[in-house]
Amino acid sequence: MFGHRNRNRRSALLASAALVGGALLMTACQDTDGSVDSGAAQSSSPSAGAGSPSASASASEDAASDAPTDAPTSGASDEPTASPSAGNGSGSNGSRVGQVCGANDLSWSTRSESQAGGYILVMAKAKSGITCVLPAALPTVAFGSDGTEAGPVEQAVGKQITLSKGTVAYAGVNPKTTNTDGGKELDSIIVAVGNEDPNPVSLKVGTITVDKPVVTNWHTAPKDAVPFN
């Protein structure tokens, strides 16, 4: 009798264990399905969100490629970059400070002197508003239609002279240095500031005889411009 009871109790325990095991198995399956579904939802959400910035960037690149690439440049390059410089002997340019004088930058005059056998004193001063430089070179003095030029009296050229208001430069011209009776009879001389001066001037000097003429350098005192042989 006790043996029969023990067998019934063992059968009941096995049946209970089977029921508990089945319940645990069903719970595990439910948990597994739930975790899979949850993971699928989470993985699908970021991928959808990531697509939005990518689309925006693509649209921005398309808009940038459609923008015009050859916009008009500034017009500043069309403006002149340098001002024209005044040529030698401008005459009317009052800003020629430090520039070489031209003959038409100057006011000219002459007078006859008896010293040293007779000569012509040439005087030059800057016109109003002009400051310029007479170079350390012999004045160019020519005579007659054949352009006979005066040679140098002095062995070396003098110093350059800056001419401005009140400053006068002097040069002495001896038109005849020979002791013969020959020569050309003239009444004017042509003076320029160097051989490159584009605007030489003609100065009346009265009747003179020209034969192997000479001229001094420019000086700031008339006594230094006497053309001694």
Protein backbone atom coordinates (compact mmCIF):
# COMPACT_ATOMS: atom_id res chain seq x y z
CA MET A 1 0.00 0.00 0.00
CA PHE A 2 2.81 2.35 0.84
CA GLY A 3 4.43 1.43 -2.44
CA HIS A 4 1.32 2.42 -4.36
CA ARG A 5 1.21 5.81 -2.62
CA ASN A 6 4.84 6.48 -3.41
CA ARG A 7 4.30 5.80 -7.08
CA ASN A 8 1.31 8.21 -7.17
CA ARG A 9 3.35 10.94 -5.41
CA ARG A 10 6.27 10.50 -7.88
CA SER A 11 3.88 10.73 -10.83
CA ALA A 12 2.36 13.91 -9.43
CA LEU A 13 5.81 15.47 -8.93
CA LEU A 14 6.87 14.60 -12.46
CA ALA A 15 3.66 16.07 -13.85
CA SER A 16 4.20 19.26 -11.85
CA ALA A 17 7.81 19.52 -13.03
CA ALA A 18 6.67 19.08 -16.63
CA LEU A 19 4.09 21.85 -16.25
CA VAL A 20 6.63 24.22 -14.67
CA GLY A 21 9.20 23.46 -17.35
CA GLY A 22 6.65 24.11 -20.11
CA ALA A 23 5.69 27.42 -18.57
CA LEU A 24 9.34 28.49 -18.32
CA LEU A 25 9.92 27.48 -21.94
CA MET A 26 6.96 29.55 -23.12
CA THR A 27 8.15 32.58 -21.10
CA ALA A 28 11.64 32.32 -22.61
CA CYS A 29 10.18 32.23 -26.12
CA GLN A 30 8.09 35.30 -25.43
CA ASP A 31 11.13 37.19 -24.07
CA THR A 32 13.20 36.19 -27.08
CA ASP A 33 10.52 37.34 -29.52
CA GLY A 34 10.12 40.62 -27.65
CA SER A 35 13.80 41.39 -27.68
CA VAL A 36 14.06 40.68 -31.41
CA ASP A 37 11.12 42.93 -32.24
CA SER A 38 12.45 45.71 -30.04
CA GLY A 39 15.91 45.51 -31.65
CA ALA A 40 14.41 45.60 -35.14
CA ALA A 41 12.46 48.76 -34.30
CA GLN A 42 15.49 50.44 -32.82
CA SER A 43 17.73 49.60 -35.80
CA SER A 44 15.19 50.85 -38.34
CA SER A 45 14.74 54.21 -36.63
CA PRO A 46 18.35 55.55 -36.89
CA SER A 47 18.61 54.52 -40.54
CA ALA A 48 15.54 56.58 -41.37
CA GLY A 49 16.91 59.57 -39.47
CA ALA A 50 20.34 59.33 -41.15
CA GLY A 51 18.76 59.66 -44.55
CA SER A 52 17.56 63.22 -43.87
CA PRO A 53 21.00 65.00 -43.53
CA SER A 54 22.29 63.15 -46.55
CA ALA A 55 19.40 64.42 -48.66
CA SER A 56 19.92 68.00 -47.36
CA ALA A 57 23.64 67.94 -48.20
CA SER A 58 22.89 66.66 -51.70
CA ALA A 59 20.38 69.48 -52.26
CA SER A 60 22.91 72.06 -51.02
CA GLU A 61 25.55 70.78 -53.43
CA ASP A 62 23.09 70.94 -56.32
CA ALA A 63 22.19 74.55 -55.42
CA ALA A 64 25.86 75.52 -55.19
CA SER A 65 26.60 74.00 -58.62
CA ASP A 66 23.78 76.07 -60.15
CA ALA A 67 25.24 79.38 -58.83
CA PRO A 68 26.90 81.67 -61.49
CA THR A 69 30.71 81.30 -61.59
CA ASP A 70 31.73 84.36 -63.64
CA ALA A 71 30.47 87.32 -61.62
CA PRO A 72 31.63 90.75 -62.90
CA THR A 73 34.96 91.92 -61.48
CA SER A 74 35.60 95.34 -59.99
CA GLY A 75 36.13 98.19 -62.42
CA ALA A 76 39.09 99.57 -60.45
CA SER A 77 41.56 97.90 -62.86
CA ASP A 78 40.29 100.17 -65.65
CA GLU A 79 41.61 103.27 -63.90
CA PRO A 80 45.02 104.64 -64.97
CA THR A 81 47.86 103.44 -62.73
CA ALA A 82 50.37 106.17 -63.48
CA SER A 83 50.21 109.86 -64.26
CA PRO A 84 52.06 111.15 -67.35
CA SER A 85 55.30 112.92 -66.48
CA ALA A 86 56.03 116.38 -67.79
CA GLY A 87 58.57 116.61 -70.58
CA ASN A 88 61.65 118.76 -70.52
CA GLY A 89 60.77 122.40 -70.99
CA SER A 90 57.08 122.26 -70.07
CA GLY A 91 56.90 126.01 -69.61
CA SER A 92 53.54 126.01 -67.80
CA ASN A 93 54.09 123.28 -65.20
CA GLY A 94 54.73 124.95 -61.84
CA SER A 95 55.58 121.69 -60.03
CA ARG A 96 58.90 121.00 -61.79
CA VAL A 97 60.91 121.09 -58.55
CA GLY A 98 64.20 119.23 -59.07
CA GLN A 99 63.62 118.74 -62.82
CA VAL A 100 66.01 119.91 -65.52
CA CYS A 101 65.11 123.31 -66.94
CA GLY A 102 64.00 123.66 -70.53
CA ALA A 103 64.59 126.86 -72.46
CA ASN A 104 60.87 127.71 -72.35
CA ASP A 105 60.82 127.35 -68.54
CA LEU A 106 63.02 130.42 -68.38
CA SER A 107 62.86 134.16 -69.00
CA TRP A 108 65.81 135.30 -71.12
CA SER A 109 67.65 138.57 -71.66
CA THR A 110 71.03 139.74 -73.03
CA ARG A 111 73.27 142.76 -72.85
CA SER A 112 76.56 143.75 -74.49
CA GLU A 113 79.66 144.07 -72.32
CA SER A 114 82.99 145.69 -73.24
CA GLN A 115 85.26 143.67 -70.97
CA ALA A 116 87.58 141.03 -72.51
CA GLY A 117 87.39 142.70 -75.93
CA GLY A 118 83.59 142.69 -75.93
CA TYR A 119 81.13 139.88 -75.30
CA ILE A 120 77.42 139.13 -74.83
CA LEU A 121 76.12 138.42 -71.33
CA VAL A 122 73.21 135.95 -71.41
CA MET A 123 70.86 135.97 -68.37
CA ALA A 124 68.25 133.36 -67.50
CA LYS A 125 65.79 133.06 -64.63
CA ALA A 126 62.85 130.76 -63.92
CA LYS A 127 59.37 131.85 -64.92
CA SER A 128 56.82 132.50 -62.21
CA GLY A 129 55.85 129.35 -60.29
CA ILE A 130 58.68 127.21 -61.72
CA THR A 131 61.67 125.74 -59.88
CA CYS A 132 64.10 123.78 -62.05
CA VAL A 133 67.77 122.90 -62.38
CA LEU A 134 70.36 124.06 -64.90
CA PRO A 135 72.66 121.03 -65.27
CA ALA A 136 76.40 121.17 -64.76
CA ALA A 137 76.97 121.39 -68.51
CA LEU A 138 77.87 123.97 -71.12
CA PRO A 139 74.97 126.01 -72.51
CA THR A 140 74.24 125.32 -76.17
CA VAL A 141 74.71 128.53 -78.16
CA ALA A 142 74.41 128.50 -81.97
CA PHE A 143 74.78 131.16 -84.64
CA GLY A 144 73.27 131.63 -88.08
CA SER A 145 71.46 129.30 -90.43
CA ASP A 146 74.39 126.88 -90.53
CA GLY A 147 74.10 126.25 -86.77
CA THR A 148 77.69 127.15 -85.84
CA GLU A 149 78.06 126.34 -82.14
CA ALA A 150 80.14 128.12 -79.49
CA GLY A 151 82.94 126.08 -77.94
CA PRO A 152 83.90 126.05 -74.24
CA VAL A 153 85.94 128.81 -72.62
CA GLU A 154 86.53 126.99 -69.34
CA GLN A 155 88.41 123.71 -68.94
CA ALA A 156 85.74 122.05 -66.78
CA VAL A 157 82.00 122.33 -66.45
CA GLY A 158 80.59 124.23 -63.49
CA LYS A 159 78.11 123.22 -60.80
CA GLN A 160 74.41 122.75 -61.43
CA ILE A 161 72.23 125.71 -60.51
CA THR A 162 68.71 125.57 -59.10
CA LEU A 163 66.58 128.35 -60.53
CA SER A 164 63.55 129.67 -58.68
CA LYS A 165 62.07 133.07 -57.97
CA GLY A 166 64.84 135.68 -57.72
CA THR A 167 67.74 133.45 -58.88
CA VAL A 168 69.54 134.44 -62.10
CA ALA A 169 72.05 132.39 -64.08
CA TYR A 170 74.70 134.07 -66.29
CA ALA A 171 76.78 132.88 -69.24
CA GLY A 172 79.22 134.93 -71.31
CA VAL A 173 79.44 134.54 -75.10
CA ASN A 174 82.37 135.79 -77.17
CA PRO A 175 81.20 135.59 -80.82
CA LYS A 176 84.65 136.23 -82.37
CA THR A 177 87.95 134.94 -81.00
CA THR A 178 90.08 135.32 -84.13
CA ASN A 179 92.24 138.34 -85.11
CA THR A 180 91.29 138.21 -88.80
CA ASP A 181 88.77 140.35 -90.63
CA GLY A 182 86.59 137.42 -91.66
CA GLY A 183 83.36 136.19 -90.06
CA LYS A 184 79.57 136.23 -90.43
CA GLU A 185 77.48 139.30 -89.66
CA LEU A 186 74.46 138.31 -87.51
CA ASP A 187 72.01 139.97 -85.11
CA SER A 188 70.77 137.06 -82.98
CA ILE A 189 71.90 133.93 -81.21
CA ILE A 190 70.10 130.65 -80.46
CA VAL A 191 70.33 129.34 -76.89
CA ALA A 192 69.26 126.00 -75.41
CA VAL A 193 69.75 124.14 -72.14
CA GLY A 194 71.88 121.33 -73.56
CA ASN A 195 71.72 119.66 -76.97
CA GLU A 196 68.58 117.67 -76.04
CA ASP A 197 66.46 120.76 -75.27
CA PRO A 198 63.44 120.60 -77.64
CA ASN A 199 62.60 124.32 -77.31
CA PRO A 200 65.64 126.54 -77.98
CA VAL A 201 65.10 130.30 -77.99
CA SER A 202 66.34 133.01 -80.36
CA LEU A 203 67.73 136.11 -78.65
CA LYS A 204 68.38 139.47 -80.35
CA VAL A 205 71.89 140.77 -79.66
CA GLY A 206 72.45 143.54 -82.20
CA THR A 207 74.89 143.25 -85.08
CA ILE A 208 77.83 140.94 -84.30
CA THR A 209 80.62 139.28 -86.23
CA VAL A 210 80.85 135.56 -85.63
CA ASP A 211 84.08 133.63 -86.05
CA LYS A 212 85.07 130.70 -83.78
CA PRO A 213 82.69 131.71 -80.94
CA VAL A 214 83.06 130.53 -77.32
CA VAL A 215 80.81 130.47 -74.25
CA THR A 216 81.29 130.09 -70.47
CA ASN A 217 79.49 127.75 -68.09
CA TRP A 218 76.44 128.93 -66.16
CA HIS A 219 77.31 131.04 -63.11
CA THR A 220 75.34 132.75 -60.34
CA ALA A 221 77.46 135.96 -60.50
CA PRO A 222 77.97 137.98 -63.70
CA LYS A 223 81.65 138.62 -62.94
CA ASP A 224 82.30 134.86 -63.17
CA ALA A 225 80.79 134.72 -66.68
CA VAL A 226 83.41 136.88 -68.43
CA PRO A 227 84.75 134.84 -71.40
CA PHE A 228 88.49 135.43 -71.05
CA ASN A 229 90.57 133.60 -73.66
